[in-house]
Amino acid sequence: MRLREAVPGLIKQLPQHKPWMVAIGVIATVVVIATCSFASYLLVADDGKLVGATPTPTIEVPLRDISSRKADPEPLTADDLFPTSEIIADPNYPPYVRIGEPQVAKDCRTAASGEVGKLLKSLGCNQVVRATFRSPDGGYYITAGVFNLRDEAAATKAHNEVQSLVDELNRFNGYIPDRSLRVLGTSPTYLSWDMRGHFLIYCVIARVDGGEHEPDDPNLTLIVYDLVETYLRDKKLGEWAIDRSTPGPDASASAAAGEDGDAT
C-alpha cells in the first residue's frame, strides 16, 4: 500500500521526458512491485508448509484381562505388591516405612474374621497378600493388602456387602509381624476397601497410641488415598494389568484408575 501511494510522488520527481517514456516507466514499476509481492507470498506459503509438524502418535499400553482368575490365573507375590521397604507417596514428605516382611497366605480368613472371612471364602478367595507400615508422621500403623477373588462379580459383591457385616467381631484384621504392633489387634481400627478386576483391596489403620479415631481425622483419608487408591489400586494392580507378553511401553505405566473406595 505504501509503495502504491508513493508512485505518484516518484512520477512528479522524474526528469521531464516525453509522455510515452513516462508511461513505460510507470508500467515497469508496477510490474516489479507485483512480481515481488507474489514472490513474497510464495515464500510465506512454502514456509508454512515446512513449519507444520506431524502429530505425535498416541502410545497405547497393551492390557490383559484381569476380570477373572480364569483369565488371570497367576497368583500375586509379595514382590508384585511390596517390592521395597518404603512407599513414597510424596517426595516432599517421609515415606511409609514397612515393618517386617510381607505375608502371602492361601487362607483369606487369615486377614478377615467372622462373617467377613466367610463371605470372602464363599466368593472364591484363594489368596491374600499384605504388609504393615508406619505412617510418614509416625502416628499410625497401617496394614494394607489385596484379596484374590474368583472374578470381578465376586469382588464387586464383596465390596458392596462388607459394609453391612463389619463390627468388632466381623472385620478385616491387621497384620502383626512384630510384637510392637500389637496395637493393631487390641485397639480401635479404621477400615477401608476398594476393588479392581477380581481383586479386593483393603487397609486397617490403628493409632500408635492405641487411642480412638476422630471421625473427621484428615490423616485417615490421606492414608487411604495413598495406600489403597493410589499405590495398590492404581499403581500396583495397574502394572499387574499390563500385558507383558506384548512389546510396548515401559511396564511401569499404570492403566486407568479403578472405582472409588468405601470407608467405615
Protein backbone atom coordinates (compact mmCIF):
# COMPACT_ATOMS: atom_id res chain seq x y z
CA MET A 1 0.00 0.00 0.00
CA ARG A 2 2.71 2.40 0.95
CA LEU A 3 4.58 1.67 -2.33
CA ARG A 4 1.44 2.26 -4.38
CA GLU A 5 0.87 5.55 -2.60
CA ALA A 6 4.47 6.56 -3.31
CA VAL A 7 4.28 6.01 -7.11
CA PRO A 8 2.60 9.38 -7.99
CA GLY A 9 5.28 11.17 -6.00
CA LEU A 10 8.01 9.36 -7.89
CA ILE A 11 6.44 10.39 -11.18
CA LYS A 12 6.43 14.01 -10.07
CA GLN A 13 10.17 13.78 -9.32
CA LEU A 14 11.14 12.23 -12.66
CA PRO A 15 13.07 14.43 -15.14
CA GLN A 16 10.89 15.91 -17.84
CA HIS A 17 10.70 13.35 -20.67
CA LYS A 18 8.23 12.53 -23.31
CA PRO A 19 4.83 11.17 -22.13
CA TRP A 20 5.36 7.70 -23.64
CA MET A 21 8.64 7.27 -21.77
CA VAL A 22 6.96 8.19 -18.50
CA ALA A 23 4.14 5.68 -19.16
CA ILE A 24 6.64 2.88 -19.82
CA GLY A 25 8.45 3.69 -16.57
CA VAL A 26 5.24 3.59 -14.55
CA ILE A 27 4.22 0.25 -16.08
CA ALA A 28 7.64 -1.24 -15.35
CA THR A 29 7.45 -0.07 -11.71
CA VAL A 30 4.02 -1.62 -11.21
CA VAL A 31 5.17 -4.93 -12.75
CA VAL A 32 8.21 -5.08 -10.44
CA ILE A 33 6.05 -4.40 -7.36
CA ALA A 34 3.53 -7.06 -8.33
CA THR A 35 6.28 -9.61 -9.03
CA CYS A 36 7.96 -9.01 -5.66
CA SER A 37 4.64 -9.27 -3.82
CA PHE A 38 3.80 -12.59 -5.48
CA ALA A 39 7.27 -13.99 -4.75
CA SER A 40 6.91 -13.00 -1.08
CA TYR A 41 3.56 -14.78 -0.91
CA LEU A 42 5.08 -17.96 -2.32
CA LEU A 43 7.89 -17.85 0.24
CA VAL A 44 5.46 -17.40 3.13
CA ALA A 45 3.17 -20.15 1.88
CA ASP A 46 6.07 -22.55 1.41
CA ASP A 47 7.45 -21.69 4.86
CA GLY A 48 4.05 -22.52 6.35
CA LYS A 49 4.32 -26.00 4.90
CA LEU A 50 7.73 -26.52 6.45
CA VAL A 51 6.70 -25.31 9.88
CA GLY A 52 3.69 -27.65 10.17
CA ALA A 53 4.58 -30.61 12.46
CA THR A 54 3.35 -34.17 12.15
CA PRO A 55 1.12 -35.06 15.14
CA THR A 56 2.77 -37.42 17.64
CA PRO A 57 1.02 -40.81 17.60
CA THR A 58 -0.71 -41.83 20.84
CA ILE A 59 1.05 -44.67 22.65
CA GLU A 60 -1.39 -47.30 23.89
CA VAL A 61 -0.41 -49.55 26.80
CA PRO A 62 -1.24 -53.20 25.98
CA LEU A 63 -3.55 -54.53 28.71
CA ARG A 64 -4.60 -58.03 29.72
CA ASP A 65 -7.87 -59.25 31.15
CA ILE A 66 -8.00 -59.21 34.97
CA SER A 67 -11.77 -59.57 35.22
CA SER A 68 -11.49 -63.16 36.47
CA ARG A 69 -8.99 -65.68 37.79
CA LYS A 70 -9.81 -67.86 34.78
CA ALA A 71 -8.37 -65.17 32.51
CA ASP A 72 -5.72 -64.17 35.06
CA PRO A 73 -4.68 -67.40 36.84
CA GLU A 74 -1.20 -66.39 38.03
CA PRO A 75 -1.14 -65.70 41.78
CA LEU A 76 0.22 -62.46 43.21
CA THR A 77 3.56 -62.45 45.01
CA ALA A 78 4.88 -60.20 47.77
CA ASP A 79 7.26 -58.61 45.25
CA ASP A 80 4.35 -57.75 42.97
CA LEU A 81 2.79 -55.55 45.64
CA PHE A 82 5.52 -54.69 48.15
CA PRO A 83 8.91 -54.95 46.43
CA THR A 84 10.62 -52.39 48.69
CA SER A 85 10.57 -51.46 52.36
CA GLU A 86 9.28 -47.93 51.65
CA ILE A 87 6.37 -46.39 49.80
CA ILE A 88 6.94 -42.80 48.72
CA ALA A 89 3.57 -41.10 48.35
CA ASP A 90 5.03 -37.58 48.08
CA PRO A 91 8.74 -36.84 47.50
CA ASN A 92 8.44 -33.81 49.78
CA TYR A 93 7.48 -35.94 52.81
CA PRO A 94 8.94 -39.00 54.58
CA PRO A 95 7.86 -42.39 53.16
CA TYR A 96 5.59 -45.06 54.59
CA VAL A 97 8.05 -47.50 56.17
CA ARG A 98 7.32 -51.23 56.10
CA ILE A 99 7.70 -53.11 59.37
CA GLY A 100 8.75 -56.73 58.97
CA GLU A 101 8.22 -58.80 55.84
CA PRO A 102 5.01 -59.04 53.76
CA GLN A 103 2.73 -62.04 54.23
CA VAL A 104 1.28 -64.27 51.50
CA ALA A 105 -1.46 -66.63 52.74
CA LYS A 106 -3.77 -69.04 50.90
CA ASP A 107 -6.47 -68.90 53.58
CA CYS A 108 -8.18 -65.49 53.24
CA ARG A 109 -9.64 -65.85 56.74
CA THR A 110 -6.13 -65.10 57.99
CA ALA A 111 -6.85 -61.47 57.19
CA ALA A 112 -10.64 -61.37 57.69
CA SER A 113 -12.54 -62.66 60.70
CA GLY A 114 -16.10 -63.85 61.29
CA GLU A 115 -18.71 -63.22 58.65
CA VAL A 116 -16.34 -61.13 56.53
CA GLY A 117 -13.96 -64.09 56.26
CA LYS A 118 -16.83 -66.42 55.39
CA LEU A 119 -18.06 -64.03 52.70
CA LEU A 120 -14.65 -63.87 51.04
CA LYS A 121 -14.28 -67.64 51.19
CA SER A 122 -17.70 -68.11 49.55
CA LEU A 123 -16.64 -65.76 46.75
CA GLY A 124 -13.68 -67.92 45.82
CA CYS A 125 -10.94 -66.03 47.65
CA ASN A 126 -7.78 -68.16 47.50
CA GLN A 127 -5.05 -65.74 48.45
CA VAL A 128 -4.26 -62.61 50.47
CA VAL A 129 -1.04 -60.58 50.22
CA ARG A 130 -0.47 -57.92 52.89
CA ALA A 131 2.14 -55.86 54.73
CA THR A 132 2.22 -53.42 57.63
CA PHE A 133 3.62 -49.88 57.56
CA ARG A 134 4.24 -46.90 59.80
CA SER A 135 2.80 -43.62 58.51
CA PRO A 136 5.12 -40.76 57.48
CA ASP A 137 4.28 -38.77 60.63
CA GLY A 138 4.82 -41.82 62.87
CA GLY A 139 1.33 -41.61 64.34
CA TYR A 140 -0.34 -44.63 62.70
CA TYR A 141 0.25 -48.29 61.90
CA ILE A 142 -1.36 -49.50 58.69
CA THR A 143 -1.91 -52.97 57.29
CA ALA A 144 -2.62 -52.85 53.55
CA GLY A 145 -3.27 -55.79 51.28
CA VAL A 146 -5.12 -57.47 48.41
CA PHE A 147 -7.54 -60.43 48.39
CA ASN A 148 -7.57 -62.56 45.23
CA LEU A 149 -11.21 -63.43 44.41
CA ARG A 150 -12.87 -65.58 41.75
CA ASP A 151 -13.91 -62.81 39.37
CA GLU A 152 -14.95 -59.20 39.13
CA ALA A 153 -18.55 -60.00 40.07
CA ALA A 154 -17.30 -61.62 43.29
CA ALA A 155 -15.07 -58.62 44.06
CA THR A 156 -18.00 -56.30 43.45
CA LYS A 157 -20.23 -58.34 45.75
CA ALA A 158 -17.59 -58.29 48.50
CA HIS A 159 -17.04 -54.56 48.01
CA ASN A 160 -20.76 -53.87 48.43
CA GLU A 161 -21.60 -56.31 51.25
CA VAL A 162 -18.69 -55.90 53.66
CA GLN A 163 -20.14 -52.59 54.88
CA SER A 164 -23.19 -54.31 56.39
CA LEU A 165 -21.11 -57.03 58.10
CA VAL A 166 -18.34 -55.05 59.79
CA ASP A 167 -18.39 -54.85 63.59
CA GLU A 168 -16.00 -55.72 66.42
CA LEU A 169 -16.01 -59.45 65.60
CA ASN A 170 -16.50 -59.39 61.82
CA ARG A 171 -13.82 -57.36 60.14
CA PHE A 172 -10.51 -57.13 58.31
CA ASN A 173 -7.56 -57.92 60.57
CA GLY A 174 -4.29 -56.09 60.99
CA TYR A 175 -1.07 -57.97 60.24
CA ILE A 176 1.30 -58.12 63.24
CA PRO A 177 4.78 -59.25 62.14
CA ASP A 178 6.35 -57.71 65.26
CA ARG A 179 5.13 -57.65 68.87
CA SER A 180 5.49 -53.87 68.90
CA LEU A 181 2.48 -53.77 66.56
CA ARG A 182 0.03 -55.46 68.95
CA VAL A 183 -1.98 -52.23 68.93
CA LEU A 184 -3.31 -53.37 65.52
CA GLY A 185 -5.09 -56.23 67.28
CA THR A 186 -6.12 -54.63 70.55
CA SER A 187 -7.11 -51.04 69.71
CA PRO A 188 -9.88 -49.35 67.69
CA THR A 189 -9.16 -49.60 63.97
CA TYR A 190 -10.35 -47.78 60.89
CA LEU A 191 -11.14 -49.91 57.83
CA SER A 192 -11.29 -49.03 54.16
CA TRP A 193 -11.58 -51.11 50.98
CA ASP A 194 -11.76 -50.82 47.21
CA MET A 195 -11.59 -53.14 44.19
CA ARG A 196 -10.09 -53.58 40.76
CA GLY A 197 -10.77 -56.52 38.46
CA HIS A 198 -11.07 -59.71 40.55
CA PHE A 199 -9.14 -58.17 43.47
CA LEU A 200 -10.43 -56.63 46.69
CA ILE A 201 -8.03 -54.10 48.23
CA TYR A 202 -8.19 -53.12 51.90
CA CYS A 203 -6.41 -51.42 54.77
CA VAL A 204 -6.60 -51.45 58.57
CA ILE A 205 -5.42 -48.33 60.41
CA ALA A 206 -4.64 -48.03 64.15
CA ARG A 207 -3.23 -45.12 66.09
CA VAL A 208 0.21 -45.82 67.53
CA ASP A 209 -1.00 -44.63 70.95
CA GLY A 210 -3.98 -47.00 70.80
CA GLY A 211 -6.50 -44.16 71.00
CA GLU A 212 -9.89 -43.73 69.36
CA HIS A 213 -10.03 -42.29 65.86
CA GLU A 214 -11.56 -38.88 65.43
CA PRO A 215 -14.41 -39.16 62.86
CA ASP A 216 -13.11 -36.17 60.90
CA ASP A 217 -9.41 -37.05 61.12
CA PRO A 218 -7.94 -35.97 57.73
CA ASN A 219 -4.98 -38.32 58.18
CA LEU A 220 -7.26 -41.33 57.69
CA THR A 221 -8.48 -40.04 54.34
CA LEU A 222 -4.91 -39.30 53.26
CA ILE A 223 -3.64 -42.77 54.24
CA VAL A 224 -6.47 -44.46 52.31
CA TYR A 225 -5.76 -42.28 49.28
CA ASP A 226 -2.02 -43.00 49.40
CA LEU A 227 -2.03 -46.74 50.06
CA VAL A 228 -5.37 -48.16 48.90
CA GLU A 229 -6.34 -45.97 45.98
CA THR A 230 -3.06 -44.66 44.57
CA TYR A 231 -0.46 -47.28 45.46
CA LEU A 232 -2.30 -50.63 45.42
CA ARG A 233 -5.27 -49.96 43.11
CA ASP A 234 -3.85 -47.57 40.54
CA LYS A 235 -0.12 -48.32 40.56
CA LYS A 236 0.42 -51.95 41.54
CA LEU A 237 -2.74 -53.51 40.11
CA GLY A 238 -2.39 -51.14 37.17
CA GLU A 239 1.03 -52.66 36.50
CA TRP A 240 -0.42 -56.14 37.01
CA ALA A 241 -2.99 -55.43 34.27
CA ILE A 242 -0.31 -54.69 31.66
CA ASP A 243 0.25 -57.41 29.06
CA ARG A 244 3.96 -58.09 29.46
CA SER A 245 3.99 -60.59 26.59
CA THR A 246 3.29 -57.81 24.09
CA PRO A 247 6.09 -55.37 23.18
CA GLY A 248 5.06 -51.90 24.29
CA PRO A 249 5.83 -49.01 26.60
CA ASP A 250 7.60 -49.36 29.94
CA ALA A 251 5.67 -51.74 32.19
CA SER A 252 5.72 -49.14 34.95
CA ALA A 253 2.98 -47.22 33.16
CA SER A 254 -0.27 -47.57 35.02
CA ALA A 255 -3.63 -48.33 33.49
CA ALA A 256 -6.71 -46.21 34.06
CA ALA A 257 -7.85 -45.75 37.63
CA GLY A 258 -10.50 -48.06 39.06
CA GLU A 259 -13.63 -47.39 41.04
CA ASP A 260 -13.89 -45.19 44.12
CA GLY A 261 -13.46 -46.81 47.53
CA ASP A 262 -15.60 -47.02 50.65
CA ALA A 263 -14.62 -46.37 54.23
CA THR A 264 -16.16 -47.15 57.54
